[in-house]
Amino acid sequence: MELWTAVQALILGVVEGLTEFLPISSTGHQIIVADLINFGGERAMAFNIIIQLGAILAVVWEFRRKIVDVVGGLSTDPKARRFTANLIIGVLPAMVLGVLFADLIHEYLFNPITVASALVIGGFVMLWAERRQHVVHAETVDEMTWADALKVGFAQCLAMIPGTSRSGSTIIGGLLFGLSRKTATEFSFFLAMPTMVAASVYSGYKYHSLFLPSDFPVFAVGFITSFIFAMIAVKGLLKFIANHSYALFAYYRIVFGLLILATWQFGWIDWSSVQG
């Protein structure tokens, strides 16, 4: 493994880990950063699947006690069964629409200009959602109804547009649909597990020919880095939302998106030929 390749894997692993569960769009950041460091092509597609798995593992580890309690209580605990049913209901919309439209979206929307536009628009939506009066009817994930889960599941579908952010769409959707900030955030994490695992398995099967033994060292660097920084991001976000709103992330999205659009508009960076 060449030194620069290792550095690229390290950089993208950090980006994936830090951004996957924050409402700022990991896909958007991956597209932009990968282009800036010239990491693309089919090899990058396989690499992205691996580092997403690293991020997923971090969330599984962080919520391992809840997962064990739910699995262990499926036969006896109504709350565990309801929680599991809500997860299944929440995942279905993205799975169906993902299978139908993923290739088209990847072909036409995976570019920095789409990402930047979605970042800015999503930032303003986030500010509006935070400033409106919240009427909360679910203080914990165990209080959510199947209708709550379904509505958040449809909100998650917006994340198919790169730059929108999966966590951002589910968290803000949860706030709009009557979930507390903590509940919306935690359900976003739980919803990410089956959604991202399903997407990774589907992509891994579809692009299995891209996984070469010679790339294992690169994948290992990205996987481990993504896991470590995803753990940091998840723990940090849970502490942050205890006393803060998501406005800071909204402002970051707007500034970052406008910066990308400015570099394109004034010709400082040529994004026109970039494809995801």
Foldseek 3Di string as FASTA:
>chain_A
DDPLLLVLLLVLLLLLQQAQQAQFFSLLVNQVVCVVSVNDDLLVLLLVLLSLVLLLVLLCVVCVVVVCVLVVCCVPDPLSVQLVLLLVLLQVVQVVVCVVCLVVLQFPQSFNLQLLVLLQVLLVLQVVLQPDDFAADAAASSRDHSVLSNQLSVQLNVVSRGNNHSNSSQQSSSRVVHYDNLRSSSVSSVSCNVNSVVVSVVSCVVSVVSDDPVCVVSSVSSSNSSNVSNNVNVVVVSVDVVPDGSNVSSVVSNVVSVVSVVCPVVVVDPRPPRGD
